[in-house]
Every structure is written in structure tokens, then in C-alpha cells.
Amino acid sequence: MYATQWFMTIFVVDFPIETVVRIWDIFFIEGRKVIYRIALAVFKMMEKRLIEGELADMFEIIKDFKSQNVDTQALLKVANNFTFSKDVMHKYEKEFTDEKFKKPDWAVMF
């Protein structure tokens, strides 16, 4: 749920403008893979707190990330450790679209 806002705004909402500009530069060069990398990097950088916290606190912990001084270089370095092949991206994209546009069971009757 929280990542949806990141994906829809390409991190404009929760990140300092200096970080957003760097992310957008990479986005325009590499495409959407950077969005997943940055999201995973945030989770990785918050990993200890997320593991130690309660499930109910997860959104607050992630929200805290934006209130911290985001080290853009560190974030991008962590993000670059995640790799995605085009095949994997297409597989998950297909799964998502197949599920999203699947008719509900009750609609099959019509």
C-alpha cells in the first residue's frame, strides 16, 4: 500500500527534491526498474527497524524514512545492488495485469 504512492509519484511525495532529481535522472535513462530498486533500498535501509517492529508499526517506520536526512548516495548505492532481468520484470507485469483484469467469479455468469 505504501509503495503505491511512491510508484505513482516516482518518489516525489516522500523524498527531498535533491534525491528525487537523481531518481528521475536514472528513471529516464534506465526505465521503471529504478522504481523497484529504490523501494527495495528503502526497505533494506530500514530492515532492522522493520524486523524488530510490530506489523502495525510498519507504515510508521517507513514514514519515518522521509523525516530522516536521506543520504542520496547511500540510497542509490543500496538500490544498485538489486538487479532485475527483463524476463523477471515481464513475468511479474503479466501476473499483475492478468490478475487485475481478471473477471470476478460472479461475473463469469454474464
N, C-alpha and C. Protein backbone atom coordinates (compact mmCIF):
# COMPACT_ATOMS: atom_id res chain seq x y z
N MET A 1 0.82 -1.20 0.00
CA MET A 1 0.00 0.00 0.00
C MET A 1 0.86 1.26 0.00
N TYR A 2 1.86 1.28 0.82
CA TYR A 2 2.68 2.48 0.95
C TYR A 2 3.49 2.72 -0.32
N ALA A 3 3.99 1.65 -0.90
CA ALA A 3 4.82 1.77 -2.09
C ALA A 3 4.03 2.27 -3.29
N THR A 4 2.73 2.08 -3.30
CA THR A 4 1.91 2.55 -4.42
C THR A 4 2.08 4.05 -4.61
N GLN A 5 2.09 4.78 -3.52
CA GLN A 5 2.28 6.22 -3.62
C GLN A 5 3.66 6.55 -4.20
N TRP A 6 4.66 5.80 -3.79
CA TRP A 6 6.00 6.01 -4.36
C TRP A 6 5.98 5.75 -5.86
N PHE A 7 5.35 4.65 -6.25
CA PHE A 7 5.36 4.26 -7.66
C PHE A 7 4.58 5.25 -8.51
N MET A 8 3.46 5.73 -8.00
CA MET A 8 2.62 6.64 -8.78
C MET A 8 3.24 8.03 -8.92
N THR A 9 4.01 8.44 -7.94
CA THR A 9 4.60 9.79 -7.98
C THR A 9 6.10 9.75 -8.26
N ILE A 10 6.63 8.58 -8.46
CA ILE A 10 8.07 8.35 -8.63
C ILE A 10 8.85 9.06 -7.53
N PHE A 11 8.40 8.85 -6.30
CA PHE A 11 9.06 9.28 -5.06
C PHE A 11 9.01 10.78 -4.78
N VAL A 12 8.23 11.54 -5.51
CA VAL A 12 8.15 12.98 -5.28
C VAL A 12 7.60 13.30 -3.90
N VAL A 13 6.65 12.53 -3.43
CA VAL A 13 5.94 12.84 -2.19
C VAL A 13 6.82 12.74 -0.95
N ASP A 14 7.60 11.69 -0.84
CA ASP A 14 8.28 11.41 0.42
C ASP A 14 9.79 11.66 0.44
N PHE A 15 10.34 12.18 -0.61
CA PHE A 15 11.79 12.33 -0.67
C PHE A 15 12.17 13.79 -0.92
N PRO A 16 13.35 14.18 -0.44
CA PRO A 16 13.83 15.54 -0.71
C PRO A 16 14.04 15.73 -2.21
N ILE A 17 13.88 16.95 -2.67
CA ILE A 17 13.95 17.23 -4.10
C ILE A 17 15.30 16.80 -4.70
N GLU A 18 16.39 16.93 -3.93
CA GLU A 18 17.71 16.52 -4.44
C GLU A 18 17.73 15.03 -4.76
N THR A 19 17.09 14.25 -3.92
CA THR A 19 17.02 12.81 -4.12
C THR A 19 16.09 12.48 -5.29
N VAL A 20 14.98 13.17 -5.35
CA VAL A 20 14.00 12.93 -6.43
C VAL A 20 14.63 13.21 -7.79
N VAL A 21 15.37 14.29 -7.89
CA VAL A 21 16.01 14.63 -9.17
C VAL A 21 16.97 13.52 -9.60
N ARG A 22 17.74 12.99 -8.69
CA ARG A 22 18.65 11.88 -9.02
C ARG A 22 17.89 10.64 -9.46
N ILE A 23 16.80 10.32 -8.71
CA ILE A 23 15.99 9.16 -9.07
C ILE A 23 15.38 9.34 -10.45
N TRP A 24 14.86 10.54 -10.75
CA TRP A 24 14.24 10.78 -12.05
C TRP A 24 15.27 10.72 -13.17
N ASP A 25 16.46 11.20 -12.93
CA ASP A 25 17.52 11.07 -13.95
C ASP A 25 17.73 9.61 -14.32
N ILE A 26 17.83 8.78 -13.31
CA ILE A 26 18.04 7.35 -13.55
C ILE A 26 16.80 6.74 -14.19
N PHE A 27 15.62 7.16 -13.76
CA PHE A 27 14.37 6.66 -14.32
C PHE A 27 14.30 6.94 -15.82
N PHE A 28 14.68 8.14 -16.25
CA PHE A 28 14.63 8.47 -17.66
C PHE A 28 15.66 7.70 -18.48
N ILE A 29 16.73 7.29 -17.86
CA ILE A 29 17.76 6.53 -18.57
C ILE A 29 17.47 5.03 -18.54
N GLU A 30 17.15 4.49 -17.37
CA GLU A 30 17.02 3.04 -17.20
C GLU A 30 15.59 2.53 -17.24
N GLY A 31 14.63 3.39 -17.03
CA GLY A 31 13.24 2.95 -17.02
C GLY A 31 12.75 2.59 -15.62
N ARG A 32 11.65 1.86 -15.60
CA ARG A 32 10.92 1.62 -14.35
C ARG A 32 11.65 0.75 -13.34
N LYS A 33 12.70 0.07 -13.76
CA LYS A 33 13.42 -0.78 -12.81
C LYS A 33 13.93 0.01 -11.61
N VAL A 34 14.28 1.25 -11.83
CA VAL A 34 14.81 2.06 -10.73
C VAL A 34 13.76 2.26 -9.63
N ILE A 35 12.50 2.29 -10.00
CA ILE A 35 11.44 2.47 -9.00
C ILE A 35 11.45 1.31 -8.01
N TYR A 36 11.56 0.10 -8.54
CA TYR A 36 11.61 -1.08 -7.68
C TYR A 36 12.90 -1.09 -6.85
N ARG A 37 13.99 -0.71 -7.47
CA ARG A 37 15.27 -0.70 -6.76
C ARG A 37 15.25 0.26 -5.58
N ILE A 38 14.71 1.46 -5.81
CA ILE A 38 14.67 2.46 -4.74
C ILE A 38 13.76 1.98 -3.61
N ALA A 39 12.60 1.44 -3.95
CA ALA A 39 11.68 0.94 -2.92
C ALA A 39 12.35 -0.15 -2.09
N LEU A 40 13.01 -1.08 -2.76
CA LEU A 40 13.71 -2.15 -2.04
C LEU A 40 14.86 -1.59 -1.20
N ALA A 41 15.52 -0.56 -1.71
CA ALA A 41 16.62 0.06 -0.96
C ALA A 41 16.10 0.70 0.32
N VAL A 42 14.95 1.34 0.25
CA VAL A 42 14.36 1.94 1.46
C VAL A 42 14.08 0.84 2.48
N PHE A 43 13.45 -0.26 2.01
CA PHE A 43 13.16 -1.37 2.92
C PHE A 43 14.45 -1.95 3.50
N LYS A 44 15.47 -2.06 2.66
CA LYS A 44 16.76 -2.61 3.12
C LYS A 44 17.38 -1.69 4.17
N MET A 45 17.33 -0.39 3.93
CA MET A 45 17.93 0.55 4.87
C MET A 45 17.16 0.63 6.18
N MET A 46 15.88 0.27 6.14
CA MET A 46 15.04 0.28 7.33
C MET A 46 14.85 -1.14 7.88
N GLU A 47 15.56 -2.10 7.32
CA GLU A 47 15.37 -3.52 7.62
C GLU A 47 15.35 -3.83 9.12
N LYS A 48 16.34 -3.36 9.84
CA LYS A 48 16.45 -3.68 11.26
C LYS A 48 15.21 -3.22 12.02
N ARG A 49 14.80 -1.98 11.78
CA ARG A 49 13.62 -1.45 12.47
C ARG A 49 12.35 -2.18 12.04
N LEU A 50 12.25 -2.54 10.77
CA LEU A 50 11.07 -3.25 10.28
C LEU A 50 10.96 -4.64 10.91
N ILE A 51 12.10 -5.32 11.03
CA ILE A 51 12.10 -6.66 11.61
C ILE A 51 11.78 -6.61 13.10
N GLU A 52 12.35 -5.63 13.78
CA GLU A 52 12.15 -5.53 15.23
C GLU A 52 10.77 -5.00 15.60
N GLY A 53 10.15 -4.24 14.69
CA GLY A 53 8.87 -3.62 14.99
C GLY A 53 7.70 -4.57 14.80
N GLU A 54 6.57 -4.11 15.24
CA GLU A 54 5.32 -4.85 15.06
C GLU A 54 4.79 -4.58 13.66
N LEU A 55 3.98 -5.49 13.16
CA LEU A 55 3.40 -5.32 11.83
C LEU A 55 2.60 -4.02 11.74
N ALA A 56 1.89 -3.71 12.80
CA ALA A 56 1.08 -2.48 12.83
C ALA A 56 1.93 -1.22 12.75
N ASP A 57 3.17 -1.31 13.15
CA ASP A 57 4.07 -0.15 13.14
C ASP A 57 4.79 0.04 11.82
N MET A 58 4.64 -0.90 10.91
CA MET A 58 5.40 -0.89 9.67
C MET A 58 5.24 0.42 8.89
N PHE A 59 4.02 0.90 8.74
CA PHE A 59 3.79 2.12 7.97
C PHE A 59 4.43 3.33 8.64
N GLU A 60 4.38 3.38 9.95
CA GLU A 60 5.01 4.49 10.67
C GLU A 60 6.53 4.44 10.52
N ILE A 61 7.09 3.25 10.55
CA ILE A 61 8.54 3.09 10.39
C ILE A 61 8.96 3.57 9.00
N ILE A 62 8.22 3.16 8.01
CA ILE A 62 8.55 3.57 6.63
C ILE A 62 8.35 5.07 6.47
N LYS A 63 7.29 5.60 7.09
CA LYS A 63 7.03 7.03 7.03
C LYS A 63 8.19 7.81 7.65
N ASP A 64 8.81 7.24 8.71
CA ASP A 64 9.95 7.88 9.37
C ASP A 64 11.13 8.07 8.42
N PHE A 65 11.22 7.22 7.41
CA PHE A 65 12.35 7.32 6.48
C PHE A 65 12.41 8.70 5.85
N LYS A 66 11.26 9.26 5.53
CA LYS A 66 11.26 10.57 4.88
C LYS A 66 11.64 11.69 5.84
N SER A 67 11.42 11.49 7.14
CA SER A 67 11.77 12.53 8.10
C SER A 67 13.26 12.52 8.43
N GLN A 68 13.93 11.43 8.08
CA GLN A 68 15.37 11.36 8.29
C GLN A 68 16.06 12.10 7.14
N ASN A 69 17.27 12.50 7.37
CA ASN A 69 18.04 13.08 6.27
C ASN A 69 18.46 11.95 5.35
N VAL A 70 17.83 11.89 4.19
CA VAL A 70 18.11 10.82 3.25
C VAL A 70 19.47 11.06 2.60
N ASP A 71 20.35 10.09 2.76
CA ASP A 71 21.65 10.15 2.11
C ASP A 71 21.47 9.58 0.70
N THR A 72 21.37 10.47 -0.27
CA THR A 72 21.07 10.07 -1.65
C THR A 72 22.10 9.08 -2.17
N GLN A 73 23.36 9.34 -1.92
CA GLN A 73 24.42 8.44 -2.41
C GLN A 73 24.27 7.05 -1.82
N ALA A 74 24.01 6.97 -0.53
CA ALA A 74 23.85 5.66 0.13
C ALA A 74 22.61 4.95 -0.41
N LEU A 75 21.53 5.68 -0.58
CA LEU A 75 20.29 5.10 -1.11
C LEU A 75 20.53 4.52 -2.50
N LEU A 76 21.18 5.27 -3.37
CA LEU A 76 21.44 4.80 -4.73
C LEU A 76 22.41 3.63 -4.75
N LYS A 77 23.37 3.65 -3.84
CA LYS A 77 24.32 2.54 -3.76
C LYS A 77 23.60 1.25 -3.37
N VAL A 78 22.74 1.33 -2.36
CA VAL A 78 21.96 0.15 -1.94
C VAL A 78 21.04 -0.28 -3.08
N ALA A 79 20.40 0.68 -3.73
CA ALA A 79 19.47 0.37 -4.83
C ALA A 79 20.18 -0.35 -5.98
N ASN A 80 21.40 0.03 -6.26
CA ASN A 80 22.13 -0.60 -7.36
C ASN A 80 22.52 -2.04 -7.08
N ASN A 81 22.42 -2.46 -5.84
CA ASN A 81 22.72 -3.86 -5.51
C ASN A 81 21.59 -4.80 -5.92
N PHE A 82 20.42 -4.25 -6.21
CA PHE A 82 19.29 -5.07 -6.66
C PHE A 82 19.27 -5.10 -8.18
N THR A 83 19.15 -6.28 -8.73
CA THR A 83 19.09 -6.40 -10.18
C THR A 83 17.84 -7.14 -10.60
N PHE A 84 17.31 -6.75 -11.74
CA PHE A 84 16.12 -7.38 -12.30
C PHE A 84 16.36 -7.61 -13.78
N SER A 85 16.12 -8.83 -14.22
CA SER A 85 16.21 -9.09 -15.65
C SER A 85 14.90 -8.68 -16.30
N LYS A 86 14.94 -8.45 -17.59
CA LYS A 86 13.71 -8.09 -18.31
C LYS A 86 12.69 -9.21 -18.22
N ASP A 87 13.15 -10.44 -18.25
CA ASP A 87 12.24 -11.59 -18.17
C ASP A 87 11.47 -11.59 -16.85
N VAL A 88 12.17 -11.31 -15.76
CA VAL A 88 11.52 -11.28 -14.45
C VAL A 88 10.51 -10.14 -14.40
N MET A 89 10.90 -8.98 -14.91
CA MET A 89 10.00 -7.83 -14.93
C MET A 89 8.74 -8.14 -15.73
N HIS A 90 8.91 -8.74 -16.90
CA HIS A 90 7.76 -9.07 -17.74
C HIS A 90 6.86 -10.12 -17.09
N LYS A 91 7.48 -11.07 -16.40
CA LYS A 91 6.71 -12.12 -15.72
C LYS A 91 5.79 -11.50 -14.66
N TYR A 92 6.36 -10.65 -13.81
CA TYR A 92 5.55 -10.03 -12.75
C TYR A 92 4.53 -9.05 -13.33
N GLU A 93 4.89 -8.36 -14.38
CA GLU A 93 3.96 -7.45 -15.02
C GLU A 93 2.76 -8.22 -15.59
N LYS A 94 3.05 -9.35 -16.21
CA LYS A 94 1.98 -10.19 -16.77
C LYS A 94 1.09 -10.73 -15.66
N GLU A 95 1.70 -11.21 -14.58
CA GLU A 95 0.91 -11.71 -13.45
C GLU A 95 -0.01 -10.62 -12.90
N PHE A 96 0.53 -9.42 -12.78
CA PHE A 96 -0.26 -8.31 -12.25
C PHE A 96 -1.42 -7.97 -13.18
N THR A 97 -1.14 -7.81 -14.46
CA THR A 97 -2.21 -7.43 -15.39
C THR A 97 -3.23 -8.55 -15.55
N ASP A 98 -2.79 -9.80 -15.56
CA ASP A 98 -3.73 -10.91 -15.65
C ASP A 98 -4.68 -10.91 -14.46
N GLU A 99 -4.13 -10.66 -13.28
CA GLU A 99 -4.95 -10.65 -12.06
C GLU A 99 -5.85 -9.41 -12.01
N LYS A 100 -5.30 -8.28 -12.42
CA LYS A 100 -6.04 -7.02 -12.35
C LYS A 100 -7.25 -7.02 -13.27
N PHE A 101 -7.10 -7.59 -14.45
CA PHE A 101 -8.17 -7.55 -15.43
C PHE A 101 -8.98 -8.84 -15.50
N LYS A 102 -8.73 -9.72 -14.56
CA LYS A 102 -9.49 -10.98 -14.47
C LYS A 102 -10.90 -10.67 -14.00
N LYS A 103 -11.86 -11.29 -14.65
CA LYS A 103 -13.25 -11.09 -14.23
C LYS A 103 -13.47 -11.77 -12.89
N PRO A 104 -14.24 -11.13 -12.01
CA PRO A 104 -14.58 -11.79 -10.74
C PRO A 104 -15.44 -13.04 -11.03
N ASP A 105 -15.40 -13.98 -10.13
CA ASP A 105 -16.14 -15.23 -10.30
C ASP A 105 -17.62 -15.00 -10.58
N TRP A 106 -18.21 -14.02 -9.93
CA TRP A 106 -19.64 -13.78 -10.11
C TRP A 106 -19.93 -13.23 -11.52
N ALA A 107 -18.93 -12.61 -12.17
CA ALA A 107 -19.15 -12.01 -13.49
C ALA A 107 -19.10 -13.05 -14.61
N VAL A 108 -18.59 -14.23 -14.33
CA VAL A 108 -18.48 -15.27 -15.35
C VAL A 108 -19.86 -15.68 -15.83
N MET A 109 -20.86 -15.59 -14.98
CA MET A 109 -22.23 -15.97 -15.34
C MET A 109 -22.79 -15.08 -16.44
N PHE A 110 -22.28 -13.87 -16.59
CA PHE A 110 -22.86 -12.92 -17.54
C PHE A 110 -22.12 -12.88 -18.83
